[in-house]
Amino acid sequence: MKAKRPARNGRQRGQALVEFALITPALILFVLLTVDVGRAYWESIDAAGAARAGVRMGIISDTSDIGGAIRDEPNTGIPNTLAAWGSEGPGTSWGLCGGGGTCGDPNGCVAGSFSGTQIACFAVRTCTLTSGDLGAINSCGAWGARPVSGGHGLQVLVVIKFAAVTPVAAQIISGGVLFLKQSSLGNELYF
């Protein structure tokens, strides 16, 4: 003997459609928010790689171009253009860090350092070591000055301006823009 199934009426079929219509916008927002978080994480990794490349170049020699190494980091998605890097871009006085002069943004890449289409900024500063030429980094000086002789530490800061594409993320992040900061420290190897 077969069990009888209750007959479905139009109200039950409509209930599933209403539930689907109520849940779908929340699911779509969740997916888009996940995409924004993923993009922010990826760009943060780009900034960390660029900061490490700058420190690597800075500890090799006191005349190496730290700015070029940061902008040319092969694993980054940040283009080496004046539009992307602004006043720290290729060919600018702050962007060429081969020794002497200002190296990177002297303000430490604060939000006011970004202008127009600029999406990235870097800053460099000299640090002192606990035991002269050797030891750990003790303190760091003002932004914009790279070491010009051996026995110093070096800090490189890379900041990326991240604009959220999801309206919900733009509401959560003040102004819809998040500044992703990555820093790297190193002791200079040359004497």
N, C-alpha and C. Protein backbone atom coordinates (compact mmCIF):
# COMPACT_ATOMS: atom_id res chain seq x y z
N MET A 1 0.82 -1.16 0.00
CA MET A 1 0.00 0.00 0.00
C MET A 1 0.88 1.24 0.00
N LYS A 2 0.55 2.15 -0.82
CA LYS A 2 1.31 3.40 -0.94
C LYS A 2 0.79 4.42 0.04
N ALA A 3 1.78 5.17 0.59
CA ALA A 3 1.38 6.26 1.49
C ALA A 3 0.95 7.45 0.65
N LYS A 4 -0.05 8.10 1.09
CA LYS A 4 -0.55 9.26 0.35
C LYS A 4 0.24 10.50 0.77
N ARG A 5 0.66 11.24 -0.22
CA ARG A 5 1.31 12.51 0.05
C ARG A 5 0.26 13.59 0.09
N PRO A 6 0.43 14.51 1.02
CA PRO A 6 -0.56 15.58 1.04
C PRO A 6 -0.47 16.42 -0.23
N ALA A 7 -1.54 16.87 -0.70
CA ALA A 7 -1.57 17.69 -1.90
C ALA A 7 -0.97 19.06 -1.58
N ARG A 8 -0.13 19.55 -2.50
CA ARG A 8 0.46 20.88 -2.31
C ARG A 8 -0.50 21.90 -2.88
N ASN A 9 -0.59 22.97 -2.16
CA ASN A 9 -1.41 24.04 -2.70
C ASN A 9 -0.48 25.18 -3.14
N GLY A 10 -1.00 26.17 -3.72
CA GLY A 10 -0.23 27.30 -4.25
C GLY A 10 0.52 28.07 -3.18
N ARG A 11 0.05 28.06 -1.96
CA ARG A 11 0.70 28.83 -0.88
C ARG A 11 2.06 28.24 -0.55
N GLN A 12 2.19 26.91 -0.54
CA GLN A 12 3.47 26.30 -0.20
C GLN A 12 4.51 26.57 -1.27
N ARG A 13 4.13 26.53 -2.52
CA ARG A 13 5.07 26.82 -3.60
C ARG A 13 5.52 28.27 -3.54
N GLY A 14 4.66 29.15 -3.21
CA GLY A 14 5.00 30.57 -3.11
C GLY A 14 5.92 30.86 -1.94
N GLN A 15 5.82 30.07 -0.90
CA GLN A 15 6.67 30.26 0.28
C GLN A 15 8.13 30.05 -0.07
N ALA A 16 8.46 29.05 -0.84
CA ALA A 16 9.84 28.79 -1.25
C ALA A 16 10.38 29.94 -2.09
N LEU A 17 9.57 30.48 -2.96
CA LEU A 17 9.99 31.60 -3.79
C LEU A 17 10.26 32.84 -2.95
N VAL A 18 9.44 33.11 -1.96
CA VAL A 18 9.63 34.26 -1.07
C VAL A 18 10.91 34.09 -0.26
N GLU A 19 11.15 32.88 0.27
CA GLU A 19 12.37 32.62 1.04
C GLU A 19 13.61 32.83 0.17
N PHE A 20 13.56 32.35 -1.06
CA PHE A 20 14.68 32.52 -1.99
C PHE A 20 14.92 34.01 -2.26
N ALA A 21 13.87 34.75 -2.46
CA ALA A 21 13.99 36.19 -2.75
C ALA A 21 14.55 36.95 -1.55
N LEU A 22 14.26 36.51 -0.35
CA LEU A 22 14.76 37.18 0.85
C LEU A 22 16.24 36.85 1.12
N ILE A 23 16.66 35.64 0.83
CA ILE A 23 18.02 35.19 1.13
C ILE A 23 19.02 35.60 0.05
N THR A 24 18.61 35.68 -1.19
CA THR A 24 19.53 35.95 -2.31
C THR A 24 20.33 37.25 -2.15
N PRO A 25 19.74 38.40 -1.81
CA PRO A 25 20.56 39.61 -1.67
C PRO A 25 21.64 39.48 -0.59
N ALA A 26 21.32 38.81 0.51
CA ALA A 26 22.31 38.62 1.57
C ALA A 26 23.46 37.73 1.08
N LEU A 27 23.16 36.70 0.33
CA LEU A 27 24.20 35.83 -0.21
C LEU A 27 25.08 36.57 -1.21
N ILE A 28 24.47 37.37 -2.06
CA ILE A 28 25.25 38.14 -3.05
C ILE A 28 26.17 39.14 -2.34
N LEU A 29 25.67 39.83 -1.32
CA LEU A 29 26.51 40.76 -0.55
C LEU A 29 27.66 40.03 0.13
N PHE A 30 27.39 38.85 0.66
CA PHE A 30 28.44 38.07 1.30
C PHE A 30 29.54 37.70 0.31
N VAL A 31 29.15 37.27 -0.88
CA VAL A 31 30.14 36.91 -1.92
C VAL A 31 30.96 38.13 -2.32
N LEU A 32 30.30 39.27 -2.54
CA LEU A 32 31.03 40.48 -2.93
C LEU A 32 31.95 40.97 -1.82
N LEU A 33 31.52 40.88 -0.59
CA LEU A 33 32.35 41.27 0.54
C LEU A 33 33.57 40.36 0.64
N THR A 34 33.38 39.08 0.37
CA THR A 34 34.50 38.14 0.36
C THR A 34 35.50 38.51 -0.74
N VAL A 35 35.03 38.94 -1.87
CA VAL A 35 35.91 39.38 -2.96
C VAL A 35 36.72 40.60 -2.52
N ASP A 36 36.09 41.57 -1.86
CA ASP A 36 36.80 42.75 -1.38
C ASP A 36 37.87 42.39 -0.35
N VAL A 37 37.55 41.52 0.56
CA VAL A 37 38.53 41.10 1.56
C VAL A 37 39.70 40.38 0.89
N GLY A 38 39.42 39.56 -0.08
CA GLY A 38 40.47 38.87 -0.83
C GLY A 38 41.36 39.85 -1.58
N ARG A 39 40.76 40.85 -2.21
CA ARG A 39 41.56 41.87 -2.91
C ARG A 39 42.45 42.63 -1.95
N ALA A 40 41.92 43.00 -0.79
CA ALA A 40 42.71 43.73 0.21
C ALA A 40 43.88 42.88 0.69
N TYR A 41 43.64 41.60 0.92
CA TYR A 41 44.70 40.70 1.36
C TYR A 41 45.79 40.59 0.29
N TRP A 42 45.39 40.43 -0.96
CA TRP A 42 46.33 40.33 -2.08
C TRP A 42 47.18 41.59 -2.19
N GLU A 43 46.55 42.76 -2.09
CA GLU A 43 47.31 44.01 -2.19
C GLU A 43 48.22 44.21 -0.99
N SER A 44 47.83 43.72 0.17
CA SER A 44 48.69 43.79 1.34
C SER A 44 49.93 42.92 1.15
N ILE A 45 49.77 41.78 0.52
CA ILE A 45 50.92 40.92 0.21
C ILE A 45 51.83 41.63 -0.79
N ASP A 46 51.25 42.32 -1.77
CA ASP A 46 52.05 43.11 -2.72
C ASP A 46 52.90 44.15 -2.00
N ALA A 47 52.30 44.85 -1.06
CA ALA A 47 53.02 45.89 -0.31
C ALA A 47 54.14 45.29 0.51
N ALA A 48 53.90 44.14 1.14
CA ALA A 48 54.94 43.48 1.94
C ALA A 48 56.11 43.06 1.06
N GLY A 49 55.83 42.51 -0.12
CA GLY A 49 56.89 42.11 -1.04
C GLY A 49 57.71 43.29 -1.52
N ALA A 50 57.04 44.40 -1.81
CA ALA A 50 57.74 45.60 -2.26
C ALA A 50 58.62 46.17 -1.14
N ALA A 51 58.12 46.17 0.10
CA ALA A 51 58.91 46.66 1.23
C ALA A 51 60.15 45.78 1.44
N ARG A 52 59.98 44.48 1.35
CA ARG A 52 61.14 43.58 1.49
C ARG A 52 62.15 43.78 0.38
N ALA A 53 61.67 44.01 -0.84
CA ALA A 53 62.59 44.25 -1.96
C ALA A 53 63.39 45.53 -1.74
N GLY A 54 62.74 46.56 -1.20
CA GLY A 54 63.44 47.81 -0.91
C GLY A 54 64.50 47.64 0.16
N VAL A 55 64.17 46.92 1.22
CA VAL A 55 65.15 46.66 2.28
C VAL A 55 66.30 45.82 1.73
N ARG A 56 65.98 44.81 0.95
CA ARG A 56 67.01 43.95 0.37
C ARG A 56 68.00 44.78 -0.44
N MET A 57 67.48 45.70 -1.25
CA MET A 57 68.36 46.53 -2.07
C MET A 57 69.14 47.51 -1.20
N GLY A 58 68.52 48.04 -0.15
CA GLY A 58 69.17 49.01 0.71
C GLY A 58 70.29 48.43 1.54
N ILE A 59 70.20 47.15 1.92
CA ILE A 59 71.26 46.57 2.74
C ILE A 59 72.43 46.07 1.91
N ILE A 60 72.25 45.98 0.61
CA ILE A 60 73.34 45.52 -0.26
C ILE A 60 74.38 46.62 -0.45
N SER A 61 73.93 47.86 -0.65
CA SER A 61 74.86 48.94 -0.98
C SER A 61 74.27 50.28 -0.56
N ASP A 62 75.17 51.22 -0.24
CA ASP A 62 74.68 52.55 0.15
C ASP A 62 74.37 53.43 -1.05
N THR A 63 74.60 52.94 -2.27
CA THR A 63 74.28 53.72 -3.46
C THR A 63 73.21 53.05 -4.33
N SER A 64 72.69 51.92 -3.89
CA SER A 64 71.67 51.23 -4.68
C SER A 64 70.36 52.01 -4.63
N ASP A 65 69.57 51.88 -5.69
CA ASP A 65 68.31 52.61 -5.80
C ASP A 65 67.18 51.83 -5.11
N ILE A 66 66.86 52.23 -3.90
CA ILE A 66 65.81 51.55 -3.13
C ILE A 66 64.45 51.75 -3.80
N GLY A 67 64.18 52.97 -4.27
CA GLY A 67 62.90 53.26 -4.92
C GLY A 67 62.65 52.40 -6.14
N GLY A 68 63.69 52.23 -6.95
CA GLY A 68 63.55 51.38 -8.13
C GLY A 68 63.25 49.93 -7.77
N ALA A 69 63.92 49.45 -6.71
CA ALA A 69 63.68 48.07 -6.28
C ALA A 69 62.26 47.88 -5.77
N ILE A 70 61.74 48.87 -5.06
CA ILE A 70 60.37 48.77 -4.54
C ILE A 70 59.38 48.75 -5.69
N ARG A 71 59.53 49.67 -6.63
CA ARG A 71 58.58 49.76 -7.74
C ARG A 71 58.71 48.61 -8.73
N ASP A 72 59.92 48.03 -8.85
CA ASP A 72 60.15 46.96 -9.82
C ASP A 72 59.99 45.57 -9.25
N GLU A 73 59.53 45.45 -8.01
CA GLU A 73 59.35 44.13 -7.41
C GLU A 73 58.53 43.27 -8.37
N PRO A 74 59.12 42.14 -8.83
CA PRO A 74 58.45 41.35 -9.88
C PRO A 74 57.15 40.68 -9.46
N ASN A 75 56.96 40.46 -8.17
CA ASN A 75 55.76 39.75 -7.72
C ASN A 75 54.61 40.68 -7.35
N THR A 76 54.74 41.94 -7.64
CA THR A 76 53.70 42.88 -7.26
C THR A 76 52.83 43.24 -8.47
N GLY A 77 51.60 43.60 -8.19
CA GLY A 77 50.69 44.02 -9.25
C GLY A 77 50.62 45.53 -9.38
N ILE A 78 51.47 46.25 -8.65
CA ILE A 78 51.48 47.71 -8.71
C ILE A 78 52.34 48.14 -9.89
N PRO A 79 51.80 48.85 -10.85
CA PRO A 79 52.60 49.24 -12.02
C PRO A 79 53.67 50.28 -11.65
N ASN A 80 54.80 50.21 -12.30
CA ASN A 80 55.90 51.16 -12.07
C ASN A 80 55.67 52.40 -12.94
N THR A 81 54.65 53.17 -12.59
CA THR A 81 54.31 54.37 -13.36
C THR A 81 54.18 55.56 -12.43
N LEU A 82 54.29 56.73 -13.00
CA LEU A 82 54.12 57.96 -12.23
C LEU A 82 52.69 58.08 -11.71
N ALA A 83 51.72 57.61 -12.49
CA ALA A 83 50.32 57.68 -12.06
C ALA A 83 50.07 56.83 -10.82
N ALA A 84 50.70 55.67 -10.73
CA ALA A 84 50.49 54.77 -9.59
C ALA A 84 51.26 55.21 -8.36
N TRP A 85 52.48 55.74 -8.53
CA TRP A 85 53.34 56.06 -7.39
C TRP A 85 53.40 57.54 -7.06
N GLY A 86 52.88 58.40 -7.91
CA GLY A 86 52.86 59.84 -7.62
C GLY A 86 54.25 60.42 -7.45
N SER A 87 54.45 61.18 -6.37
CA SER A 87 55.73 61.87 -6.16
C SER A 87 56.88 60.92 -5.84
N GLU A 88 56.59 59.63 -5.60
CA GLU A 88 57.64 58.64 -5.39
C GLU A 88 57.83 57.79 -6.64
N GLY A 89 57.28 58.23 -7.77
CA GLY A 89 57.32 57.48 -9.01
C GLY A 89 58.66 57.54 -9.69
N PRO A 90 58.79 56.80 -10.80
CA PRO A 90 60.05 56.76 -11.53
C PRO A 90 60.42 58.15 -12.07
N GLY A 91 61.68 58.50 -11.90
CA GLY A 91 62.19 59.77 -12.43
C GLY A 91 61.94 60.97 -11.53
N THR A 92 61.28 60.81 -10.41
CA THR A 92 61.03 61.94 -9.51
C THR A 92 62.15 62.03 -8.47
N SER A 93 62.29 63.18 -7.85
CA SER A 93 63.38 63.36 -6.89
C SER A 93 63.20 62.48 -5.65
N TRP A 94 61.96 62.25 -5.21
CA TRP A 94 61.73 61.38 -4.05
C TRP A 94 61.78 59.91 -4.44
N GLY A 95 61.59 59.62 -5.72
CA GLY A 95 61.55 58.23 -6.18
C GLY A 95 62.91 57.64 -6.46
N LEU A 96 63.92 58.48 -6.65
CA LEU A 96 65.28 57.98 -6.89
C LEU A 96 66.02 57.99 -5.57
N CYS A 97 66.35 56.83 -5.08
CA CYS A 97 66.96 56.71 -3.76
C CYS A 97 68.32 56.05 -3.87
N GLY A 98 69.20 56.62 -4.67
CA GLY A 98 70.52 56.04 -4.86
C GLY A 98 71.55 56.57 -3.89
N GLY A 99 71.20 57.45 -3.02
CA GLY A 99 72.15 58.01 -2.06
C GLY A 99 71.99 59.51 -2.01
N GLY A 100 71.96 60.08 -0.83
CA GLY A 100 71.79 61.53 -0.69
C GLY A 100 70.39 61.97 -1.07
N GLY A 101 69.98 63.11 -0.62
CA GLY A 101 68.67 63.65 -0.95
C GLY A 101 67.55 62.92 -0.22
N THR A 102 66.33 63.33 -0.52
CA THR A 102 65.17 62.71 0.11
C THR A 102 64.85 61.40 -0.59
N CYS A 103 64.59 60.38 0.19
CA CYS A 103 64.29 59.05 -0.35
C CYS A 103 62.88 58.67 0.09
N GLY A 104 61.95 58.62 -0.82
CA GLY A 104 60.58 58.30 -0.48
C GLY A 104 59.85 59.50 0.11
N ASP A 105 58.68 59.25 0.60
CA ASP A 105 57.84 60.32 1.15
C ASP A 105 58.37 60.74 2.52
N PRO A 106 58.73 62.02 2.70
CA PRO A 106 59.26 62.46 3.99
C PRO A 106 58.21 62.54 5.10
N ASN A 107 56.94 62.37 4.75
CA ASN A 107 55.86 62.40 5.76
C ASN A 107 55.46 61.01 6.25
N GLY A 108 56.07 59.97 5.72
CA GLY A 108 55.74 58.61 6.15
C GLY A 108 54.49 58.05 5.50
N CYS A 109 54.13 58.52 4.32
CA CYS A 109 52.99 58.01 3.55
C CYS A 109 51.67 58.10 4.30
N VAL A 110 51.39 59.23 4.87
CA VAL A 110 50.10 59.46 5.52
C VAL A 110 49.03 59.63 4.43
N ALA A 111 47.76 59.62 4.82
CA ALA A 111 46.67 59.72 3.84
C ALA A 111 46.80 60.97 2.97
N GLY A 112 47.29 62.09 3.52
CA GLY A 112 47.45 63.33 2.76
C GLY A 112 48.56 63.27 1.73
N SER A 113 49.38 62.22 1.77
CA SER A 113 50.48 62.07 0.80
C SER A 113 49.98 61.61 -0.56
N PHE A 114 48.77 61.07 -0.62
CA PHE A 114 48.23 60.54 -1.87
C PHE A 114 47.50 61.64 -2.63
N SER A 115 47.73 61.68 -3.94
CA SER A 115 47.06 62.68 -4.78
C SER A 115 46.60 62.05 -6.09
N GLY A 116 45.52 62.54 -6.61
CA GLY A 116 45.01 62.10 -7.91
C GLY A 116 44.83 60.59 -8.00
N THR A 117 45.45 59.99 -9.02
CA THR A 117 45.31 58.56 -9.27
C THR A 117 46.33 57.72 -8.50
N GLN A 118 47.11 58.34 -7.66
CA GLN A 118 48.15 57.62 -6.93
C GLN A 118 47.55 56.54 -6.04
N ILE A 119 48.08 55.31 -6.18
CA ILE A 119 47.58 54.19 -5.38
C ILE A 119 48.64 53.61 -4.45
N ALA A 120 49.89 54.06 -4.58
CA ALA A 120 50.96 53.50 -3.75
C ALA A 120 51.94 54.59 -3.34
N CYS A 121 52.59 54.35 -2.20
CA CYS A 121 53.55 55.31 -1.65
C CYS A 121 54.61 54.51 -0.89
N PHE A 122 55.83 55.01 -0.87
CA PHE A 122 56.84 54.38 -0.03
C PHE A 122 57.63 55.44 0.71
N ALA A 123 58.15 55.04 1.87
CA ALA A 123 58.97 55.92 2.69
C ALA A 123 60.12 55.10 3.26
N VAL A 124 61.26 55.76 3.43
CA VAL A 124 62.48 55.11 3.91
C VAL A 124 63.02 55.93 5.07
N ARG A 125 63.60 55.24 6.05
CA ARG A 125 64.28 55.97 7.12
C ARG A 125 65.43 55.15 7.68
N THR A 126 66.39 55.88 8.24
CA THR A 126 67.58 55.28 8.84
C THR A 126 67.29 54.92 10.29
N CYS A 127 67.81 53.79 10.71
CA CYS A 127 67.66 53.34 12.09
C CYS A 127 69.04 53.13 12.70
N THR A 128 69.17 53.35 14.00
CA THR A 128 70.44 53.10 14.68
C THR A 128 70.41 51.70 15.28
N LEU A 129 71.60 51.14 15.41
CA LEU A 129 71.74 49.79 15.95
C LEU A 129 72.22 49.86 17.39
N THR A 130 71.94 48.84 18.17
CA THR A 130 72.28 48.84 19.59
C THR A 130 73.78 48.78 19.84
N SER A 131 74.56 48.17 18.96
CA SER A 131 76.00 48.00 19.19
C SER A 131 76.81 48.53 18.02
N GLY A 132 76.62 49.78 17.66
CA GLY A 132 77.40 50.37 16.55
C GLY A 132 77.06 49.71 15.23
N ASP A 133 78.07 49.00 14.66
CA ASP A 133 77.88 48.36 13.36
C ASP A 133 77.09 47.06 13.44
N LEU A 134 76.95 46.53 14.64
CA LEU A 134 76.25 45.27 14.81
C LEU A 134 75.09 45.46 15.76
N GLY A 135 74.29 44.46 15.93
CA GLY A 135 73.21 44.53 16.90
C GLY A 135 71.85 44.68 16.26
N ALA A 136 70.88 44.85 17.13
CA ALA A 136 69.50 44.99 16.68
C ALA A 136 69.16 46.46 16.48
N ILE A 137 68.08 46.71 15.77
CA ILE A 137 67.64 48.08 15.54
C ILE A 137 67.11 48.65 16.85
N ASN A 138 67.63 49.80 17.22
CA ASN A 138 67.31 50.44 18.48
C ASN A 138 66.23 51.51 18.31
N SER A 139 66.44 52.42 17.38
CA SER A 139 65.48 53.49 17.12
C SER A 139 65.63 53.94 15.68
N CYS A 140 64.62 54.61 15.18
CA CYS A 140 64.64 55.07 13.79
C CYS A 140 64.44 56.57 13.74
N GLY A 141 65.04 57.20 12.74
CA GLY A 141 64.95 58.65 12.58
C GLY A 141 63.73 59.05 11.77
N ALA A 142 63.81 60.24 11.20
CA ALA A 142 62.70 60.79 10.42
C ALA A 142 62.59 60.08 9.07
N TRP A 143 61.39 60.07 8.54
CA TRP A 143 61.15 59.49 7.21
C TRP A 143 61.82 60.35 6.16
N GLY A 144 62.25 59.72 5.09
CA GLY A 144 62.81 60.43 3.94
C GLY A 144 64.32 60.38 3.85
N ALA A 145 65.00 59.81 4.83
CA ALA A 145 66.46 59.76 4.81
C ALA A 145 66.93 58.32 4.82
N ARG A 146 67.71 57.96 3.83
CA ARG A 146 68.28 56.62 3.77
C ARG A 146 69.70 56.66 4.30
N PRO A 147 70.21 55.56 4.81
CA PRO A 147 71.59 55.54 5.28
C PRO A 147 72.56 55.77 4.11
N VAL A 148 73.61 56.51 4.37
CA VAL A 148 74.61 56.77 3.34
C VAL A 148 75.95 56.13 3.65
N SER A 149 76.10 55.56 4.84
CA SER A 149 77.32 54.82 5.16
C SER A 149 76.93 53.60 5.98
N GLY A 150 77.83 52.65 6.10
CA GLY A 150 77.54 51.37 6.75
C GLY A 150 77.23 51.48 8.23
N GLY A 151 76.74 50.37 8.77
CA GLY A 151 76.50 50.28 10.19
C GLY A 151 75.18 50.84 10.68
N HIS A 152 74.21 50.89 9.81
CA HIS A 152 72.90 51.39 10.20
C HIS A 152 71.83 50.35 9.87
N GLY A 153 70.68 50.58 10.44
CA GLY A 153 69.52 49.81 10.06
C GLY A 153 68.69 50.62 9.07
N LEU A 154 67.73 49.98 8.50
CA LEU A 154 66.92 50.60 7.47
C LEU A 154 65.49 50.13 7.63
N GLN A 155 64.54 51.05 7.53
CA GLN A 155 63.12 50.68 7.53
C GLN A 155 62.49 51.21 6.25
N VAL A 156 61.75 50.35 5.59
CA VAL A 156 61.02 50.72 4.38
C VAL A 156 59.53 50.48 4.64
N LEU A 157 58.73 51.48 4.37
CA LEU A 157 57.28 51.41 4.53
C LEU A 157 56.64 51.55 3.16
N VAL A 158 55.74 50.65 2.83
CA VAL A 158 54.97 50.74 1.58
C VAL A 158 53.50 50.78 1.97
N VAL A 159 52.79 51.78 1.42
CA VAL A 159 51.36 51.95 1.71
C VAL A 159 50.60 51.90 0.40
N ILE A 160 49.53 51.13 0.38
CA ILE A 160 48.68 51.02 -0.81
C ILE A 160 47.29 51.54 -0.46
N LYS A 161 46.76 52.38 -1.34
CA LYS A 161 45.41 52.91 -1.16
C LYS A 161 44.42 51.93 -1.79
N PHE A 162 43.62 51.31 -0.93
CA PHE A 162 42.68 50.28 -1.36
C PHE A 162 41.27 50.86 -1.37
N ALA A 163 40.64 50.85 -2.51
CA ALA A 163 39.26 51.33 -2.64
C ALA A 163 38.32 50.13 -2.73
N ALA A 164 37.38 50.05 -1.82
CA ALA A 164 36.42 48.95 -1.81
C ALA A 164 35.44 49.10 -2.96
N VAL A 165 35.06 47.97 -3.56
CA VAL A 165 34.10 48.01 -4.66
C VAL A 165 32.69 47.62 -4.19
N THR A 166 32.60 46.93 -3.08
CA THR A 166 31.31 46.54 -2.54
C THR A 166 30.72 47.69 -1.74
N PRO A 167 29.48 48.05 -1.99
CA PRO A 167 28.87 49.15 -1.22
C PRO A 167 28.89 48.92 0.29
N VAL A 168 28.72 47.67 0.72
CA VAL A 168 28.75 47.38 2.15
C VAL A 168 30.14 47.63 2.73
N ALA A 169 31.18 47.18 2.02
CA ALA A 169 32.55 47.40 2.48
C ALA A 169 32.86 48.89 2.49
N ALA A 170 32.37 49.62 1.50
CA ALA A 170 32.59 51.07 1.45
C ALA A 170 31.93 51.76 2.64
N GLN A 171 30.82 51.21 3.13
CA GLN A 171 30.16 51.78 4.31
C GLN A 171 30.92 51.43 5.59
N ILE A 172 31.49 50.24 5.64
CA ILE A 172 32.23 49.81 6.83
C ILE A 172 33.55 50.58 6.94
N ILE A 173 34.23 50.74 5.82
CA ILE A 173 35.51 51.46 5.78
C ILE A 173 35.19 52.94 5.65
N SER A 174 35.71 53.76 6.53
CA SER A 174 35.41 55.19 6.48
C SER A 174 35.89 55.79 5.16
N GLY A 175 34.99 56.42 4.45
CA GLY A 175 35.31 57.02 3.16
C GLY A 175 35.46 56.02 2.03
N GLY A 176 35.32 54.73 2.31
CA GLY A 176 35.45 53.71 1.28
C GLY A 176 36.88 53.42 0.87
N VAL A 177 37.86 54.03 1.56
CA VAL A 177 39.28 53.85 1.22
C VAL A 177 40.02 53.36 2.45
N LEU A 178 40.81 52.32 2.26
CA LEU A 178 41.61 51.75 3.33
C LEU A 178 43.07 51.85 2.92
N PHE A 179 43.92 52.31 3.83
CA PHE A 179 45.35 52.42 3.54
C PHE A 179 46.06 51.20 4.15
N LEU A 180 46.54 50.32 3.28
CA LEU A 180 47.20 49.09 3.70
C LEU A 180 48.69 49.37 3.87
N LYS A 181 49.21 49.20 5.07
CA LYS A 181 50.61 49.52 5.38
C LYS A 181 51.39 48.25 5.65
N GLN A 182 52.56 48.16 5.02
CA GLN A 182 53.49 47.07 5.27
C GLN A 182 54.88 47.66 5.43
N SER A 183 55.59 47.19 6.43
CA SER A 183 56.91 47.72 6.75
C SER A 183 57.91 46.57 6.83
N SER A 184 59.15 46.87 6.51
CA SER A 184 60.21 45.87 6.61
C SER A 184 61.45 46.54 7.18
N LEU A 185 62.16 45.84 8.06
CA LEU A 185 63.37 46.34 8.69
C LEU A 185 64.55 45.48 8.28
N GLY A 186 65.74 46.10 8.20
CA GLY A 186 66.95 45.33 7.89
C GLY A 186 68.19 46.04 8.38
N ASN A 187 69.20 45.26 8.71
CA ASN A 187 70.51 45.80 9.08
C ASN A 187 71.37 45.81 7.82
N GLU A 188 72.05 46.93 7.57
CA GLU A 188 72.87 47.03 6.39
C GLU A 188 74.07 46.10 6.48
N LEU A 189 74.41 45.50 5.35
CA LEU A 189 75.50 44.53 5.33
C LEU A 189 76.83 45.14 4.93
N TYR A 190 76.83 46.28 4.29
CA TYR A 190 78.09 46.87 3.82
C TYR A 190 78.75 47.67 4.94
N PHE A 191 80.07 47.74 4.92
CA PHE A 191 80.83 48.46 5.95
C PHE A 191 81.77 49.45 5.32
